[in-house]
Protein backbone atom coordinates (compact mmCIF):
# COMPACT_ATOMS: atom_id res chain seq x y z
CA MET A 1 1.29 1.49 -21.37
CA SER A 2 -1.78 1.59 -19.12
CA THR A 3 -5.08 2.91 -20.22
CA THR A 4 -6.87 5.62 -18.24
CA ILE A 5 -8.04 4.70 -14.70
CA ASP A 6 -11.74 4.52 -15.74
CA GLN A 7 -10.79 1.99 -18.50
CA LEU A 8 -8.33 -0.05 -16.50
CA PRO A 9 -9.23 -3.74 -16.60
CA LEU A 10 -9.98 -5.05 -13.08
CA SER A 11 -9.59 -8.61 -12.06
CA VAL A 12 -9.83 -10.72 -8.95
CA LEU A 13 -7.24 -12.88 -7.29
CA GLU A 14 -9.25 -15.26 -5.09
CA LEU A 15 -7.27 -17.07 -2.38
CA ALA A 16 -10.35 -19.00 -1.32
CA PRO A 17 -10.07 -18.09 2.31
CA ILE A 18 -11.11 -20.51 5.00
CA LEU A 19 -12.79 -18.60 7.77
CA GLU A 20 -12.41 -19.25 11.51
CA GLY A 21 -15.37 -21.53 12.34
CA GLY A 22 -16.00 -22.40 8.60
CA THR A 23 -15.18 -25.23 6.26
CA PRO A 24 -13.76 -25.45 2.76
CA ALA A 25 -17.20 -26.25 1.46
CA ASP A 26 -18.39 -22.86 2.83
CA THR A 27 -15.45 -21.30 1.15
CA PHE A 28 -16.30 -22.72 -2.23
CA ARG A 29 -19.84 -21.48 -2.03
CA ARG A 30 -18.65 -17.91 -1.22
CA SER A 31 -16.06 -18.03 -4.01
CA LEU A 32 -18.65 -18.93 -6.60
CA ASP A 33 -20.96 -16.22 -5.29
CA LEU A 34 -18.18 -13.70 -5.51
CA ALA A 35 -17.33 -14.70 -9.00
CA ARG A 36 -20.96 -14.25 -10.06
CA HIS A 37 -21.07 -10.79 -8.57
CA VAL A 38 -17.85 -9.50 -10.01
CA GLU A 39 -18.82 -10.95 -13.41
CA GLN A 40 -21.98 -8.70 -13.25
CA TRP A 41 -19.87 -5.73 -12.21
CA GLY A 42 -17.57 -6.11 -15.27
CA TYR A 43 -14.41 -7.58 -13.74
CA ARG A 44 -12.27 -9.30 -16.50
CA ARG A 45 -10.73 -12.28 -14.72
CA PHE A 46 -11.24 -14.41 -11.69
CA TRP A 47 -7.99 -16.21 -10.81
CA LEU A 48 -7.38 -18.83 -8.13
CA ALA A 49 -3.96 -19.49 -6.53
CA GLU A 50 -2.34 -22.81 -5.71
CA HIS A 51 -1.23 -23.12 -2.07
CA HIS A 52 -0.77 -26.13 -0.02
CA ASN A 53 -0.73 -27.03 3.73
CA MET A 54 -2.27 -23.66 4.69
CA ALA A 55 -5.13 -23.61 7.12
CA SER A 56 -6.41 -20.30 5.64
CA ILE A 57 -6.54 -21.25 1.92
CA ALA A 58 -8.77 -23.88 0.28
CA SER A 59 -7.54 -23.70 -3.37
CA SER A 60 -5.01 -26.45 -3.30
CA ALA A 61 -6.72 -28.45 -6.13
CA THR A 62 -6.66 -25.29 -8.23
CA SER A 63 -7.74 -26.70 -11.65
CA VAL A 64 -10.73 -28.49 -9.99
CA LEU A 65 -11.83 -25.23 -8.42
CA ILE A 66 -11.34 -23.37 -11.67
CA GLY A 67 -13.83 -25.78 -13.26
CA HIS A 68 -16.28 -25.18 -10.46
CA ILE A 69 -16.10 -21.43 -10.87
CA ALA A 70 -16.23 -21.46 -14.70
CA GLY A 71 -19.18 -23.83 -14.63
CA GLY A 72 -21.13 -21.50 -12.35
CA THR A 73 -20.38 -18.27 -14.41
CA SER A 74 -20.86 -17.46 -18.07
CA THR A 75 -18.53 -14.66 -19.27
CA ILE A 76 -15.80 -13.89 -16.89
CA ARG A 77 -12.37 -15.40 -17.64
CA VAL A 78 -11.33 -17.98 -14.99
CA GLY A 79 -7.79 -19.10 -14.47
CA SER A 80 -4.79 -19.74 -12.24
CA GLY A 81 -2.90 -17.11 -10.38
CA GLY A 82 -1.07 -19.39 -10.48
CA ILE A 83 -0.30 -23.02 -10.96
CA MET A 84 2.96 -23.78 -9.26
CA LEU A 85 4.77 -25.53 -12.02
CA PRO A 86 7.51 -27.16 -9.85
CA ASN A 87 4.67 -29.31 -8.32
CA HIS A 88 3.43 -30.70 -11.65
CA ALA A 89 4.60 -32.48 -14.76
CA PRO A 90 4.02 -29.95 -17.65
CA LEU A 91 2.02 -32.61 -19.54
CA ILE A 92 -0.43 -32.95 -16.69
CA VAL A 93 -0.91 -29.16 -16.64
CA ALA A 94 -1.46 -29.03 -20.37
CA GLU A 95 -4.08 -31.82 -20.18
CA GLN A 96 -5.89 -30.28 -17.26
CA PHE A 97 -6.08 -26.88 -18.80
CA GLY A 98 -6.81 -28.34 -22.19
CA THR A 99 -9.74 -30.04 -20.56
CA LEU A 100 -10.94 -26.79 -18.96
CA ALA A 101 -10.52 -24.85 -22.15
CA SER A 102 -12.50 -27.43 -24.07
CA LEU A 103 -15.32 -27.21 -21.49
CA TYR A 104 -15.26 -23.41 -21.30
CA PRO A 105 -13.79 -22.18 -24.60
CA GLY A 106 -12.33 -18.68 -24.69
CA ARG A 107 -12.57 -18.28 -20.91
CA ILE A 108 -9.56 -20.06 -19.35
CA ASP A 109 -6.20 -18.47 -18.42
CA LEU A 110 -3.15 -20.47 -17.33
CA GLY A 111 -0.84 -18.43 -14.97
CA LEU A 112 2.37 -20.13 -13.92
CA GLY A 113 4.48 -19.60 -10.90
CA ARG A 114 7.99 -21.06 -10.13
CA ALA A 115 7.66 -21.37 -6.36
CA PRO A 116 6.12 -24.49 -4.71
CA GLY A 117 3.44 -22.45 -2.94
CA THR A 118 4.19 -24.14 0.25
CA ASP A 119 6.90 -25.22 2.71
CA GLN A 120 9.75 -27.54 1.73
CA LEU A 121 8.41 -30.62 3.57
CA THR A 122 5.02 -30.31 1.79
CA ALA A 123 6.79 -29.67 -1.51
CA HIS A 124 8.58 -32.97 -1.03
CA ALA A 125 5.27 -34.72 -0.36
CA LEU A 126 3.80 -33.24 -3.49
CA ARG A 127 6.64 -34.20 -5.75
CA ARG A 128 7.95 -37.35 -3.85
CA ASP A 129 11.46 -36.35 -4.93
CA LEU A 130 13.29 -33.09 -5.28
CA GLN A 131 15.33 -33.91 -8.39
CA GLY A 132 13.54 -31.05 -10.10
CA SER A 133 13.82 -27.52 -8.75
CA VAL A 134 12.77 -23.92 -9.54
CA ASN A 135 15.84 -23.80 -11.76
CA ASP A 136 14.00 -26.05 -14.16
CA PHE A 137 11.21 -23.53 -14.57
CA PRO A 138 12.27 -22.05 -17.92
CA GLN A 139 12.55 -25.53 -19.49
CA ASN A 140 9.28 -26.67 -17.96
CA VAL A 141 7.48 -23.57 -19.33
CA GLN A 142 8.87 -24.26 -22.77
CA GLU A 143 7.76 -27.88 -22.54
CA LEU A 144 4.29 -26.83 -21.56
CA LEU A 145 4.06 -24.36 -24.39
CA THR A 146 5.10 -27.10 -26.77
CA TYR A 147 2.33 -29.41 -25.61
CA LEU A 148 -0.24 -26.64 -26.16
CA SER A 149 1.00 -25.76 -29.62
CA ALA A 150 -0.67 -27.04 -32.71
CA GLU A 151 2.81 -27.93 -34.10
CA ASN A 152 3.08 -30.67 -31.54
CA ARG A 153 0.65 -32.86 -33.25
CA GLY A 154 3.44 -34.90 -34.84
CA SER A 155 5.09 -35.62 -31.48
CA ARG A 156 5.06 -38.98 -29.76
CA VAL A 157 3.91 -37.27 -26.54
CA ARG A 158 0.80 -35.05 -27.01
CA ALA A 159 -1.61 -33.24 -24.67
CA ILE A 160 -5.14 -34.35 -25.63
CA PRO A 161 -7.05 -32.20 -24.96
CA GLY A 162 -4.81 -29.12 -24.91
CA GLU A 163 -2.97 -29.31 -28.22
CA GLY A 164 -3.70 -26.34 -30.49
CA LEU A 165 -6.18 -24.60 -28.09
CA ASP A 166 -6.05 -20.93 -27.45
CA ILE A 167 -5.06 -20.91 -23.79
CA PRO A 168 -3.23 -17.71 -22.73
CA VAL A 169 -0.23 -18.49 -20.69
CA TRP A 170 0.94 -15.98 -18.11
CA LEU A 171 4.07 -15.91 -15.98
CA LEU A 172 3.73 -14.75 -12.43
CA GLY A 173 6.45 -13.58 -10.14
CA SER A 174 7.42 -11.85 -6.93
CA SER A 175 10.96 -11.06 -8.17
CA THR A 176 12.71 -10.17 -11.46
CA PHE A 177 13.29 -13.76 -12.62
CA SER A 178 9.91 -14.51 -14.18
CA ALA A 179 9.69 -10.95 -15.53
CA GLN A 180 12.86 -11.58 -17.60
CA LEU A 181 11.56 -14.99 -18.72
CA ALA A 182 8.17 -13.54 -19.70
CA ALA A 183 9.92 -10.86 -21.75
CA TYR A 184 12.17 -13.45 -23.44
CA LEU A 185 9.19 -15.74 -24.34
CA GLY A 186 6.86 -12.86 -25.27
CA LEU A 187 4.22 -13.73 -22.65
CA PRO A 188 2.01 -11.56 -20.45
CA PHE A 189 3.40 -11.01 -16.91
CA ALA A 190 1.73 -10.50 -13.53
CA PHE A 191 3.54 -9.39 -10.34
CA ALA A 192 2.61 -10.43 -6.82
CA SER A 193 2.95 -7.02 -5.25
CA HIS A 194 0.13 -7.83 -2.84
CA PHE A 195 2.70 -9.62 -0.60
CA ALA A 196 6.14 -8.89 -2.24
CA PRO A 197 6.27 -5.18 -3.17
CA ALA A 198 10.05 -4.69 -3.06
CA GLN A 199 10.94 -5.61 -6.65
CA LEU A 200 7.78 -4.51 -8.41
CA GLN A 201 9.26 -1.56 -10.31
CA ALA A 202 12.50 -3.36 -11.19
CA ALA A 203 10.48 -6.38 -12.55
CA LEU A 204 8.17 -4.18 -14.59
CA HIS A 205 11.12 -2.26 -16.06
CA LEU A 206 13.01 -5.45 -16.97
CA TYR A 207 9.92 -6.95 -18.52
CA ARG A 208 9.16 -3.92 -20.77
CA GLU A 209 12.78 -3.19 -21.69
CA ASN A 210 13.53 -6.80 -22.72
CA PHE A 211 10.18 -7.83 -24.17
CA ARG A 212 10.31 -9.68 -27.50
CA PRO A 213 7.14 -9.89 -29.68
CA SER A 214 5.90 -13.42 -30.10
CA GLU A 215 3.05 -15.44 -31.54
CA TYR A 216 1.37 -15.03 -28.17
CA LEU A 217 1.76 -11.28 -27.63
CA GLN A 218 3.01 -8.34 -29.84
CA GLN A 219 3.52 -5.83 -26.99
CA PRO A 220 4.26 -6.18 -23.33
CA TYR A 221 1.20 -6.64 -21.11
CA ALA A 222 1.77 -6.37 -17.31
CA ALA A 223 -0.58 -6.82 -14.43
CA ALA A 224 -0.01 -6.27 -10.74
CA CYS A 225 -1.90 -7.51 -7.67
CA VAL A 226 -2.79 -5.34 -4.79
CA ASN A 227 -4.79 -5.66 -1.60
CA VAL A 228 -7.97 -3.63 -1.43
CA ILE A 229 -10.38 -3.28 1.54
CA ALA A 230 -13.06 -0.71 0.65
CA ALA A 231 -16.02 0.17 2.81
CA ASP A 232 -18.53 2.98 3.07
CA THR A 233 -16.38 4.76 5.60
CA ASN A 234 -12.68 4.86 6.34
CA GLU A 235 -13.37 3.66 9.90
CA GLU A 236 -15.27 0.58 8.76
CA ALA A 237 -12.57 -0.27 6.22
CA GLU A 238 -9.92 -0.07 8.96
CA ARG A 239 -11.98 -2.32 11.17
CA LEU A 240 -12.46 -4.88 8.42
CA ALA A 241 -8.71 -4.72 7.68
CA THR A 242 -7.92 -6.12 11.15
CA SER A 243 -8.66 -9.64 9.73
CA PHE A 244 -6.17 -9.02 7.04
CA PHE A 245 -3.59 -7.77 9.54
CA GLN A 246 -4.11 -10.85 11.76
CA LEU A 247 -3.58 -13.08 8.64
CA ALA A 248 -0.40 -11.20 7.68
CA THR A 249 0.96 -11.30 11.19
CA ASN A 250 0.54 -15.12 11.24
CA ILE A 251 2.46 -15.17 7.92
CA VAL A 252 5.32 -13.24 9.58
CA ARG A 253 5.26 -15.64 12.44
CA GLY A 254 5.25 -18.66 10.21
CA THR A 255 1.96 -19.89 11.53
CA SER A 256 -1.18 -20.85 9.63
CA LYS A 257 -4.66 -20.16 10.89
CA PRO A 258 -8.03 -19.57 9.27
CA LEU A 259 -9.03 -16.00 8.55
CA GLN A 260 -10.07 -14.39 11.86
CA PRO A 261 -13.01 -12.07 12.52
CA PRO A 262 -12.21 -8.38 12.67
CA VAL A 263 -11.32 -6.80 16.04
CA ALA A 264 -11.70 -3.28 17.41
CA SER A 265 -7.85 -2.83 17.47
CA MET A 266 -4.73 -4.67 16.68
CA GLU A 267 -3.20 -3.46 19.90
CA GLY A 268 -1.74 -6.37 21.76
CA LEU A 269 -2.21 -8.71 18.82
CA TRP A 270 1.11 -7.88 17.19
CA SER A 271 4.44 -6.43 18.32
CA ASP A 272 6.00 -3.26 16.96
CA LEU A 273 8.40 -5.38 14.93
CA GLU A 274 5.65 -7.60 13.53
CA GLU A 275 3.54 -4.50 12.62
CA GLU A 276 6.50 -3.01 10.79
CA SER A 277 7.08 -6.29 8.92
CA VAL A 278 3.41 -6.59 7.98
CA ARG A 279 3.21 -3.01 6.69
CA MET A 280 6.40 -3.49 4.60
CA MET A 281 5.10 -6.70 3.13
CA MET A 282 1.69 -5.20 2.53
CA ALA A 283 2.86 -1.88 1.20
CA TYR A 284 0.28 -2.02 -1.58
CA ALA A 285 -2.75 -2.45 0.72
CA PHE A 286 -5.42 0.19 -0.12
CA ILE A 287 -7.80 0.47 2.72
CA GLY A 288 -10.59 3.04 3.12
CA SER A 289 -13.66 4.62 1.59
CA ALA A 290 -14.35 4.50 -2.11
CA ALA A 291 -12.83 7.98 -2.62
CA LYS A 292 -9.65 7.13 -0.62
CA VAL A 293 -9.25 3.84 -2.44
CA ARG A 294 -9.66 5.41 -5.82
CA LYS A 295 -6.92 7.95 -5.03
CA GLN A 296 -4.60 5.20 -3.89
CA VAL A 297 -5.22 3.10 -6.96
CA GLU A 298 -4.70 6.12 -9.20
CA GLN A 299 -1.33 6.76 -7.67
CA PHE A 300 -0.35 3.11 -7.98
CA VAL A 301 -1.32 3.01 -11.64
CA GLN A 302 0.40 6.23 -12.46
CA ALA A 303 3.62 4.99 -10.76
CA THR A 304 3.60 1.57 -12.36
CA GLN A 305 1.73 2.09 -15.67
CA VAL A 306 0.28 -1.44 -15.33
CA ASP A 307 -2.15 -2.60 -18.03
CA GLU A 308 -4.43 -4.48 -15.58
CA LEU A 309 -5.08 -4.52 -11.88
CA LEU A 310 -5.56 -7.74 -9.94
CA VAL A 311 -7.26 -7.29 -6.58
CA VAL A 312 -7.32 -9.53 -3.50
CA SER A 313 -9.48 -8.72 -0.50
CA HIS A 314 -8.98 -10.52 2.82
CA ILE A 315 -12.36 -9.68 4.50
CA TYR A 316 -14.05 -12.02 6.95
CA ASP A 317 -17.70 -11.06 6.36
CA HIS A 318 -18.90 -12.13 2.87
CA ALA A 319 -21.30 -9.24 2.34
CA ALA A 320 -18.57 -6.79 3.29
CA ARG A 321 -16.25 -8.48 0.86
CA LEU A 322 -18.79 -8.22 -1.96
CA ARG A 323 -19.33 -4.62 -1.03
CA SER A 324 -15.57 -3.95 -1.21
CA TYR A 325 -15.34 -5.17 -4.75
CA GLU A 326 -18.48 -3.26 -5.74
CA LEU A 327 -17.21 -0.01 -4.25
CA LEU A 328 -13.89 -0.44 -6.03
CA HIS A 329 -15.46 -1.01 -9.36
CA ASN A 330 -17.83 1.88 -9.01
CA ALA A 331 -15.15 4.14 -7.66
CA LEU A 332 -12.86 3.61 -10.62
CA ARG A 333 -15.68 3.79 -13.26
CA GLU A 334 -17.44 6.79 -11.66
CA PRO A 335 -15.36 9.31 -9.78
CA VAL A 336 -16.60 9.83 -6.18
CA GLY A 337 -16.47 12.82 -3.98
């Protein structure tokens, strides 16, 4: 059950956006600056997502970037939202996150997804063969949990470092599959409602109804991710959101481009059908002034009873993106008129 809105833990999902005219190196500098600011504002986590072969996202080497962010901050939890387990041997993930947790004790989260985070051709290039599949996800999660357990010290295959470390493992999902698995294993669960809103309520219901207490968690703990673009006025937020809409339109079209600058209007940049598809996919996009966004978040939390809110903000201008996260934090902690 969620806490009140002014106590709701806020966290960041950072997709490490590559801007039109920019480079991944520019992206990494901005990501670290954002992490340092949200740490000061009291955000709980800063998660990075694994994607591949996308011109708009620079976080393909997710564990490397987690180390960069953790090394440049001091208190905020840093983790994956998520590592796409079909792309990796569970032992490699256990070793990588065991290394991170040894370098930054008490600050590393391991969120796991069962999709490849890319297209099928790239998935083949990542894995070299496709003998494994998303259907192996439950077994791979179990294998990974075994490597991280202290009880595995007697095994012939061990994760060093990793074994016996306190690394919270989350399951992430955009459908009901991972919700049921998280419930069965007694793990925290995060839903990708920022781009796949349709099954949010069904997934949360299944997770809570079927949750089994475990050594990891005694009660269900659910987070959900939403899009937020907050600005000093509704008009400015709508203008900033055109970068987000252009990005989403390219997703609908199956094209990949860096994040584009905002425009005065989306008229002529998307068809009616594309606009409808974008607005359905991005149903949980809260755009506006601090007061408007607070009201939207309140309604979302009341409807979902989530325990934590993950926020992603596709904003081209870095100062405006910082301002959006600051306004959101202040709006939820201090009611605005």
